[in-house]
Amino acid sequence: MEKSAILLNGANPLIKDEKFSEMADPMLQGHYPAKGLEQALIIAQMCVHEQPTNRPAIAEVVAFLTHIASGKYDSESQDVQNST
């Protein structure tokens, strides 16, 4: 099995079960917006879809990530650490 397949096999259940924080870099120590992480992981999952024709175009990915980076997706956004 390819390394990328192993990574996807581990990530897909976490995304499906909405355990997004388990996929975050521990070095961030909870300092990231939970909704932004969720959206970025969903975009990543779309990018590695099994069927290449179902993957978004790079221009769409750039637009999605730009939107996330702007922070406009959720005006109530908080760091994971501060939301508990």
PDB file of N, CA and C in Angstrom:
ATOM      1  N   MET A   1       0.837  -1.181   0.000  1.00  0.00           N
ATOM      2  CA  MET A   1       0.000   0.000   0.000  1.00  0.00           C
ATOM      3  C   MET A   1       0.884   1.247   0.000  1.00  0.00           C
ATOM      4  N   GLU A   2       0.513   2.228  -0.814  1.00  0.00           N
ATOM      5  CA  GLU A   2       1.278   3.473  -0.880  1.00  0.00           C
ATOM      6  C   GLU A   2       1.136   4.251   0.419  1.00  0.00           C
ATOM      7  N   LYS A   3       2.158   5.069   0.703  1.00  0.00           N
ATOM      8  CA  LYS A   3       2.110   5.890   1.917  1.00  0.00           C
ATOM      9  C   LYS A   3       0.913   6.823   1.908  1.00  0.00           C
ATOM     10  N   SER A   4       0.574   7.383   0.743  1.00  0.00           N
ATOM     11  CA  SER A   4      -0.567   8.298   0.678  1.00  0.00           C
ATOM     12  C   SER A   4      -1.873   7.569   0.988  1.00  0.00           C
ATOM     13  N   ALA A   5      -1.988   6.319   0.566  1.00  0.00           N
ATOM     14  CA  ALA A   5      -3.193   5.540   0.859  1.00  0.00           C
ATOM     15  C   ALA A   5      -3.300   5.266   2.348  1.00  0.00           C
ATOM     16  N   ILE A   6      -2.187   5.005   3.001  1.00  0.00           N
ATOM     17  CA  ILE A   6      -2.188   4.772   4.442  1.00  0.00           C
ATOM     18  C   ILE A   6      -2.645   6.033   5.170  1.00  0.00           C
ATOM     19  N   LEU A   7      -2.140   7.178   4.749  1.00  0.00           N
ATOM     20  CA  LEU A   7      -2.530   8.447   5.350  1.00  0.00           C
ATOM     21  C   LEU A   7      -4.028   8.682   5.174  1.00  0.00           C
ATOM     22  N   LEU A   8      -4.520   8.461   3.978  1.00  0.00           N
ATOM     23  CA  LEU A   8      -5.943   8.673   3.714  1.00  0.00           C
ATOM     24  C   LEU A   8      -6.815   7.718   4.505  1.00  0.00           C
ATOM     25  N   ASN A   9      -6.387   6.467   4.613  1.00  0.00           N
ATOM     26  CA  ASN A   9      -7.157   5.493   5.377  1.00  0.00           C
ATOM     27  C   ASN A   9      -7.272   5.902   6.840  1.00  0.00           C
ATOM     28  N   GLY A  10      -6.261   6.550   7.351  1.00  0.00           N
ATOM     29  CA  GLY A  10      -6.305   7.030   8.731  1.00  0.00           C
ATOM     30  C   GLY A  10      -7.086   8.315   8.883  1.00  0.00           C
ATOM     31  N   ALA A  11      -7.031   9.164   7.878  1.00  0.00           N
ATOM     32  CA  ALA A  11      -7.689  10.470   7.959  1.00  0.00           C
ATOM     33  C   ALA A  11      -9.186  10.408   7.690  1.00  0.00           C
ATOM     34  N   ASN A  12      -9.607   9.594   6.751  1.00  0.00           N
ATOM     35  CA  ASN A  12     -11.015   9.568   6.373  1.00  0.00           C
ATOM     36  C   ASN A  12     -11.966   9.286   7.537  1.00  0.00           C
ATOM     37  N   PRO A  13     -11.685   8.302   8.397  1.00  0.00           N
ATOM     38  CA  PRO A  13     -12.604   8.086   9.529  1.00  0.00           C
ATOM     39  C   PRO A  13     -12.663   9.282  10.478  1.00  0.00           C
ATOM     40  N   LEU A  14     -11.532   9.954  10.667  1.00  0.00           N
ATOM     41  CA  LEU A  14     -11.520  11.117  11.550  1.00  0.00           C
ATOM     42  C   LEU A  14     -12.350  12.250  10.961  1.00  0.00           C
ATOM     43  N   ILE A  15     -12.271  12.435   9.645  1.00  0.00           N
ATOM     44  CA  ILE A  15     -13.075  13.463   8.996  1.00  0.00           C
ATOM     45  C   ILE A  15     -14.547  13.081   9.062  1.00  0.00           C
ATOM     46  N   LYS A  16     -14.845  11.837   8.754  1.00  0.00           N
ATOM     47  CA  LYS A  16     -16.238  11.367   8.782  1.00  0.00           C
ATOM     48  C   LYS A  16     -16.849  11.540  10.166  1.00  0.00           C
ATOM     49  N   ASP A  17     -16.084  11.240  11.204  1.00  0.00           N
ATOM     50  CA  ASP A  17     -16.575  11.342  12.581  1.00  0.00           C
ATOM     51  C   ASP A  17     -16.402  12.749  13.160  1.00  0.00           C
ATOM     52  N   GLU A  18     -15.984  13.688  12.324  1.00  0.00           N
ATOM     53  CA  GLU A  18     -15.784  15.091  12.713  1.00  0.00           C
ATOM     54  C   GLU A  18     -14.819  15.243  13.890  1.00  0.00           C
ATOM     55  N   LYS A  19     -13.772  14.446  13.881  1.00  0.00           N
ATOM     56  CA  LYS A  19     -12.721  14.543  14.901  1.00  0.00           C
ATOM     57  C   LYS A  19     -11.560  15.353  14.328  1.00  0.00           C
ATOM     58  N   PHE A  20     -11.895  16.563  13.899  1.00  0.00           N
ATOM     59  CA  PHE A  20     -10.936  17.405  13.195  1.00  0.00           C
ATOM     60  C   PHE A  20      -9.738  17.780  14.061  1.00  0.00           C
ATOM     61  N   SER A  21      -9.971  18.032  15.335  1.00  0.00           N
ATOM     62  CA  SER A  21      -8.872  18.460  16.201  1.00  0.00           C
ATOM     63  C   SER A  21      -7.809  17.388  16.361  1.00  0.00           C
ATOM     64  N   GLU A  22      -8.179  16.126  16.146  1.00  0.00           N
ATOM     65  CA  GLU A  22      -7.192  15.040  16.241  1.00  0.00           C
ATOM     66  C   GLU A  22      -6.225  15.061  15.059  1.00  0.00           C
ATOM     67  N   MET A  23      -6.575  15.820  14.031  1.00  0.00           N
ATOM     68  CA  MET A  23      -5.711  15.897  12.851  1.00  0.00           C
ATOM     69  C   MET A  23      -4.855  17.157  12.841  1.00  0.00           C
ATOM     70  N   ALA A  24      -5.086  18.045  13.790  1.00  0.00           N
ATOM     71  CA  ALA A  24      -4.328  19.294  13.847  1.00  0.00           C
ATOM     72  C   ALA A  24      -2.909  19.044  14.353  1.00  0.00           C
ATOM     73  N   ASP A  25      -2.003  19.870  13.922  1.00  0.00           N
ATOM     74  CA  ASP A  25      -0.619  19.798  14.379  1.00  0.00           C
ATOM     75  C   ASP A  25      -0.584  20.100  15.877  1.00  0.00           C
ATOM     76  N   PRO A  26      -0.091  19.176  16.696  1.00  0.00           N
ATOM     77  CA  PRO A  26      -0.045  19.419  18.142  1.00  0.00           C
ATOM     78  C   PRO A  26       0.794  20.634  18.522  1.00  0.00           C
ATOM     79  N   MET A  27       1.723  21.016  17.654  1.00  0.00           N
ATOM     80  CA  MET A  27       2.559  22.190  17.935  1.00  0.00           C
ATOM     81  C   MET A  27       1.727  23.478  17.971  1.00  0.00           C
ATOM     82  N   LEU A  28       0.539  23.452  17.394  1.00  0.00           N
ATOM     83  CA  LEU A  28      -0.335  24.633  17.417  1.00  0.00           C
ATOM     84  C   LEU A  28      -0.963  24.830  18.791  1.00  0.00           C
ATOM     85  N   GLN A  29      -0.952  23.808  19.606  1.00  0.00           N
ATOM     86  CA  GLN A  29      -1.471  23.847  20.979  1.00  0.00           C
ATOM     87  C   GLN A  29      -2.876  24.444  21.044  1.00  0.00           C
ATOM     88  N   GLY A  30      -3.706  24.097  20.069  1.00  0.00           N
ATOM     89  CA  GLY A  30      -5.089  24.561  20.074  1.00  0.00           C
ATOM     90  C   GLY A  30      -5.304  25.967  19.561  1.00  0.00           C
ATOM     91  N   HIS A  31      -4.254  26.610  19.078  1.00  0.00           N
ATOM     92  CA  HIS A  31      -4.364  27.986  18.594  1.00  0.00           C
ATOM     93  C   HIS A  31      -4.644  28.004  17.093  1.00  0.00           C
ATOM     94  N   TYR A  32      -5.854  27.653  16.738  1.00  0.00           N
ATOM     95  CA  TYR A  32      -6.322  27.705  15.358  1.00  0.00           C
ATOM     96  C   TYR A  32      -7.843  27.730  15.407  1.00  0.00           C
ATOM     97  N   PRO A  33      -8.461  28.338  14.416  1.00  0.00           N
ATOM     98  CA  PRO A  33      -9.924  28.359  14.413  1.00  0.00           C
ATOM     99  C   PRO A  33     -10.485  26.994  14.028  1.00  0.00           C
ATOM    100  N   ALA A  34     -11.328  26.457  14.864  1.00  0.00           N
ATOM    101  CA  ALA A  34     -11.877  25.116  14.641  1.00  0.00           C
ATOM    102  C   ALA A  34     -12.607  25.014  13.308  1.00  0.00           C
ATOM    103  N   LYS A  35     -13.400  26.033  12.976  1.00  0.00           N
ATOM    104  CA  LYS A  35     -14.160  25.987  11.724  1.00  0.00           C
ATOM    105  C   LYS A  35     -13.212  26.039  10.525  1.00  0.00           C
ATOM    106  N   GLY A  36     -12.152  26.811  10.612  1.00  0.00           N
ATOM    107  CA  GLY A  36     -11.175  26.874   9.530  1.00  0.00           C
ATOM    108  C   GLY A  36     -10.486  25.538   9.309  1.00  0.00           C
ATOM    109  N   LEU A  37     -10.133  24.863  10.397  1.00  0.00           N
ATOM    110  CA  LEU A  37      -9.524  23.535  10.290  1.00  0.00           C
ATOM    111  C   LEU A  37     -10.493  22.571   9.638  1.00  0.00           C
ATOM    112  N   GLU A  38     -11.737  22.597  10.085  1.00  0.00           N
ATOM    113  CA  GLU A  38     -12.753  21.704   9.522  1.00  0.00           C
ATOM    114  C   GLU A  38     -12.877  21.919   8.014  1.00  0.00           C
ATOM    115  N   GLN A  39     -12.982  23.170   7.608  1.00  0.00           N
ATOM    116  CA  GLN A  39     -13.140  23.457   6.182  1.00  0.00           C
ATOM    117  C   GLN A  39     -11.897  23.073   5.383  1.00  0.00           C
ATOM    118  N   ALA A  40     -10.719  23.319   5.921  1.00  0.00           N
ATOM    119  CA  ALA A  40      -9.482  22.959   5.220  1.00  0.00           C
ATOM    120  C   ALA A  40      -9.371  21.445   5.045  1.00  0.00           C
ATOM    121  N   LEU A  41      -9.768  20.697   6.059  1.00  0.00           N
ATOM    122  CA  LEU A  41      -9.699  19.239   5.955  1.00  0.00           C
ATOM    123  C   LEU A  41     -10.718  18.693   4.962  1.00  0.00           C
ATOM    124  N   ILE A  42     -11.870  19.304   4.904  1.00  0.00           N
ATOM    125  CA  ILE A  42     -12.868  18.879   3.916  1.00  0.00           C
ATOM    126  C   ILE A  42     -12.362  19.164   2.507  1.00  0.00           C
ATOM    127  N   ILE A  43     -11.711  20.302   2.317  1.00  0.00           N
ATOM    128  CA  ILE A  43     -11.120  20.623   1.008  1.00  0.00           C
ATOM    129  C   ILE A  43     -10.032  19.608   0.669  1.00  0.00           C
ATOM    130  N   ALA A  44      -9.192  19.290   1.641  1.00  0.00           N
ATOM    131  CA  ALA A  44      -8.133  18.303   1.410  1.00  0.00           C
ATOM    132  C   ALA A  44      -8.714  16.965   1.009  1.00  0.00           C
ATOM    133  N   GLN A  45      -9.795  16.574   1.675  1.00  0.00           N
ATOM    134  CA  GLN A  45     -10.437  15.307   1.342  1.00  0.00           C
ATOM    135  C   GLN A  45     -10.976  15.334  -0.091  1.00  0.00           C
ATOM    136  N   MET A  46     -11.532  16.461  -0.497  1.00  0.00           N
ATOM    137  CA  MET A  46     -12.025  16.587  -1.872  1.00  0.00           C
ATOM    138  C   MET A  46     -10.874  16.454  -2.870  1.00  0.00           C
ATOM    139  N   CYS A  47      -9.710  16.995  -2.520  1.00  0.00           N
ATOM    140  CA  CYS A  47      -8.553  16.993  -3.427  1.00  0.00           C
ATOM    141  C   CYS A  47      -7.968  15.603  -3.664  1.00  0.00           C
ATOM    142  N   VAL A  48      -8.213  14.696  -2.763  1.00  0.00           N
ATOM    143  CA  VAL A  48      -7.665  13.342  -2.907  1.00  0.00           C
ATOM    144  C   VAL A  48      -8.771  12.328  -3.188  1.00  0.00           C
ATOM    145  N   HIS A  49      -9.877  12.817  -3.690  1.00  0.00           N
ATOM    146  CA  HIS A  49     -11.005  11.928  -4.015  1.00  0.00           C
ATOM    147  C   HIS A  49     -10.521  10.809  -4.919  1.00  0.00           C
ATOM    148  N   GLU A  50     -11.061   9.642  -4.711  1.00  0.00           N
ATOM    149  CA  GLU A  50     -10.668   8.457  -5.472  1.00  0.00           C
ATOM    150  C   GLU A  50     -10.836   8.662  -6.980  1.00  0.00           C
ATOM    151  N   GLN A  51     -11.873   9.359  -7.363  1.00  0.00           N
ATOM    152  CA  GLN A  51     -12.136   9.627  -8.779  1.00  0.00           C
ATOM    153  C   GLN A  51     -11.584  11.006  -9.151  1.00  0.00           C
ATOM    154  N   PRO A  52     -10.543  11.060  -9.970  1.00  0.00           N
ATOM    155  CA  PRO A  52      -9.945  12.346 -10.330  1.00  0.00           C
ATOM    156  C   PRO A  52     -10.936  13.368 -10.893  1.00  0.00           C
ATOM    157  N   THR A  53     -11.960  12.905 -11.585  1.00  0.00           N
ATOM    158  CA  THR A  53     -12.942  13.837 -12.155  1.00  0.00           C
ATOM    159  C   THR A  53     -13.796  14.506 -11.079  1.00  0.00           C
ATOM    160  N   ASN A  54     -13.811  13.959  -9.883  1.00  0.00           N
ATOM    161  CA  ASN A  54     -14.573  14.545  -8.776  1.00  0.00           C
ATOM    162  C   ASN A  54     -13.732  15.492  -7.924  1.00  0.00           C
ATOM    163  N   ARG A  55     -12.471  15.655  -8.268  1.00  0.00           N
ATOM    164  CA  ARG A  55     -11.593  16.560  -7.518  1.00  0.00           C
ATOM    165  C   ARG A  55     -11.792  17.989  -8.009  1.00  0.00           C
ATOM    166  N   PRO A  56     -11.679  18.967  -7.112  1.00  0.00           N
ATOM    167  CA  PRO A  56     -11.835  20.359  -7.540  1.00  0.00           C
ATOM    168  C   PRO A  56     -10.638  20.820  -8.371  1.00  0.00           C
ATOM    169  N   ALA A  57     -10.882  21.776  -9.239  1.00  0.00           N
ATOM    170  CA  ALA A  57      -9.798  22.392 -10.014  1.00  0.00           C
ATOM    171  C   ALA A  57      -8.925  23.195  -9.059  1.00  0.00           C
ATOM    172  N   ILE A  58      -7.667  23.392  -9.418  1.00  0.00           N
ATOM    173  CA  ILE A  58      -6.742  24.115  -8.538  1.00  0.00           C
ATOM    174  C   ILE A  58      -7.234  25.537  -8.265  1.00  0.00           C
ATOM    175  N   ALA A  59      -7.879  26.156  -9.248  1.00  0.00           N
ATOM    176  CA  ALA A  59      -8.417  27.505  -9.038  1.00  0.00           C
ATOM    177  C   ALA A  59      -9.490  27.498  -7.940  1.00  0.00           C
ATOM    178  N   GLU A  60     -10.288  26.442  -7.892  1.00  0.00           N
ATOM    179  CA  GLU A  60     -11.298  26.315  -6.847  1.00  0.00           C
ATOM    180  C   GLU A  60     -10.643  26.125  -5.487  1.00  0.00           C
ATOM    181  N   VAL A  61      -9.601  25.309  -5.446  1.00  0.00           N
ATOM    182  CA  VAL A  61      -8.884  25.069  -4.190  1.00  0.00           C
ATOM    183  C   VAL A  61      -8.287  26.382  -3.682  1.00  0.00           C
ATOM    184  N   VAL A  62      -7.675  27.132  -4.567  1.00  0.00           N
ATOM    185  CA  VAL A  62      -7.094  28.424  -4.179  1.00  0.00           C
ATOM    186  C   VAL A  62      -8.184  29.354  -3.641  1.00  0.00           C
ATOM    187  N   ALA A  63      -9.320  29.396  -4.304  1.00  0.00           N
ATOM    188  CA  ALA A  63     -10.425  30.242  -3.844  1.00  0.00           C
ATOM    189  C   ALA A  63     -10.920  29.795  -2.471  1.00  0.00           C
ATOM    190  N   PHE A  64     -11.078  28.482  -2.279  1.00  0.00           N
ATOM    191  CA  PHE A  64     -11.519  27.958  -0.984  1.00  0.00           C
ATOM    192  C   PHE A  64     -10.530  28.333   0.121  1.00  0.00           C
ATOM    193  N   LEU A  65      -9.242  28.100  -0.140  1.00  0.00           N
ATOM    194  CA  LEU A  65      -8.227  28.365   0.881  1.00  0.00           C
ATOM    195  C   LEU A  65      -8.074  29.855   1.162  1.00  0.00           C
ATOM    196  N   THR A  66      -8.226  30.676   0.137  1.00  0.00           N
ATOM    197  CA  THR A  66      -8.183  32.131   0.325  1.00  0.00           C
ATOM    198  C   THR A  66      -9.326  32.566   1.230  1.00  0.00           C
ATOM    199  N   HIS A  67     -10.477  31.987   0.996  1.00  0.00           N
ATOM    200  CA  HIS A  67     -11.648  32.295   1.824  1.00  0.00           C
ATOM    201  C   HIS A  67     -11.396  31.892   3.281  1.00  0.00           C
ATOM    202  N   ILE A  68     -10.842  30.719   3.488  1.00  0.00           N
ATOM    203  CA  ILE A  68     -10.535  30.265   4.848  1.00  0.00           C
ATOM    204  C   ILE A  68      -9.508  31.190   5.494  1.00  0.00           C
ATOM    205  N   ALA A  69      -8.457  31.522   4.751  1.00  0.00           N
ATOM    206  CA  ALA A  69      -7.384  32.364   5.294  1.00  0.00           C
ATOM    207  C   ALA A  69      -7.888  33.762   5.661  1.00  0.00           C
ATOM    208  N   SER A  70      -8.923  34.223   4.978  1.00  0.00           N
ATOM    209  CA  SER A  70      -9.453  35.556   5.258  1.00  0.00           C
ATOM    210  C   SER A  70     -10.173  35.612   6.597  1.00  0.00           C
ATOM    211  N   GLY A  71     -10.604  34.447   7.095  1.00  0.00           N
ATOM    212  CA  GLY A  71     -11.335  34.400   8.353  1.00  0.00           C
ATOM    213  C   GLY A  71     -12.782  34.826   8.217  1.00  0.00           C
ATOM    214  N   LYS A  72     -13.237  35.090   7.005  1.00  0.00           N
ATOM    215  CA  LYS A  72     -14.607  35.574   6.790  1.00  0.00           C
ATOM    216  C   LYS A  72     -15.645  34.463   6.853  1.00  0.00           C
ATOM    217  N   TYR A  73     -15.212  33.223   6.925  1.00  0.00           N
ATOM    218  CA  TYR A  73     -16.132  32.102   6.933  1.00  0.00           C
ATOM    219  C   TYR A  73     -16.953  32.040   8.204  1.00  0.00           C
ATOM    220  N   ASP A  74     -16.465  32.650   9.291  1.00  0.00           N
ATOM    221  CA  ASP A  74     -17.143  32.531  10.568  1.00  0.00           C
ATOM    222  C   ASP A  74     -16.718  33.678  11.474  1.00  0.00           C
ATOM    223  N   SER A  75     -17.550  34.686  11.576  1.00  0.00           N
ATOM    224  CA  SER A  75     -17.191  35.852  12.385  1.00  0.00           C
ATOM    225  C   SER A  75     -17.117  35.524  13.874  1.00  0.00           C
ATOM    226  N   GLU A  76     -17.668  34.391  14.262  1.00  0.00           N
ATOM    227  CA  GLU A  76     -17.632  33.962  15.660  1.00  0.00           C
ATOM    228  C   GLU A  76     -16.456  33.034  15.929  1.00  0.00           C
ATOM    229  N   SER A  77     -15.549  32.899  14.971  1.00  0.00           N
ATOM    230  CA  SER A  77     -14.461  31.938  15.049  1.00  0.00           C
ATOM    231  C   SER A  77     -13.590  32.167  16.275  1.00  0.00           C
ATOM    232  N   GLN A  78     -13.241  31.063  16.915  1.00  0.00           N
ATOM    233  CA  GLN A  78     -12.365  31.103  18.090  1.00  0.00           C
ATOM    234  C   GLN A  78     -11.300  30.027  17.940  1.00  0.00           C
ATOM    235  N   ASP A  79     -10.199  30.223  18.629  1.00  0.00           N
ATOM    236  CA  ASP A  79      -9.214  29.164  18.724  1.00  0.00           C
ATOM    237  C   ASP A  79      -9.869  27.977  19.416  1.00  0.00           C
ATOM    238  N   VAL A  80      -9.453  26.774  19.053  1.00  0.00           N
ATOM    239  CA  VAL A  80      -9.981  25.581  19.701  1.00  0.00           C
ATOM    240  C   VAL A  80      -9.741  25.662  21.197  1.00  0.00           C
ATOM    241  N   GLN A  81      -8.578  26.117  21.585  1.00  0.00           N
ATOM    242  CA  GLN A  81      -8.219  26.196  23.000  1.00  0.00           C
ATOM    243  C   GLN A  81      -9.177  27.114  23.766  1.00  0.00           C
ATOM    244  N   ASN A  82      -9.652  28.171  23.138  1.00  0.00           N
ATOM    245  CA  ASN A  82     -10.519  29.127  23.811  1.00  0.00           C
ATOM    246  C   ASN A  82     -11.991  28.783  23.721  1.00  0.00           C
ATOM    247  N   SER A  83     -12.350  27.766  22.958  1.00  0.00           N
ATOM    248  CA  SER A  83     -13.758  27.447  22.762  1.00  0.00           C
ATOM    249  C   SER A  83     -14.282  26.407  23.729  1.00  0.00           C
ATOM    250  N   THR A  84     -13.427  25.875  24.556  1.00  0.00           N
ATOM    251  CA  THR A  84     -13.884  24.843  25.498  1.00  0.00           C
ATOM    252  C   THR A  84     -14.184  25.423  26.853  1.00  0.00           C
TER     253      THR A  84
END
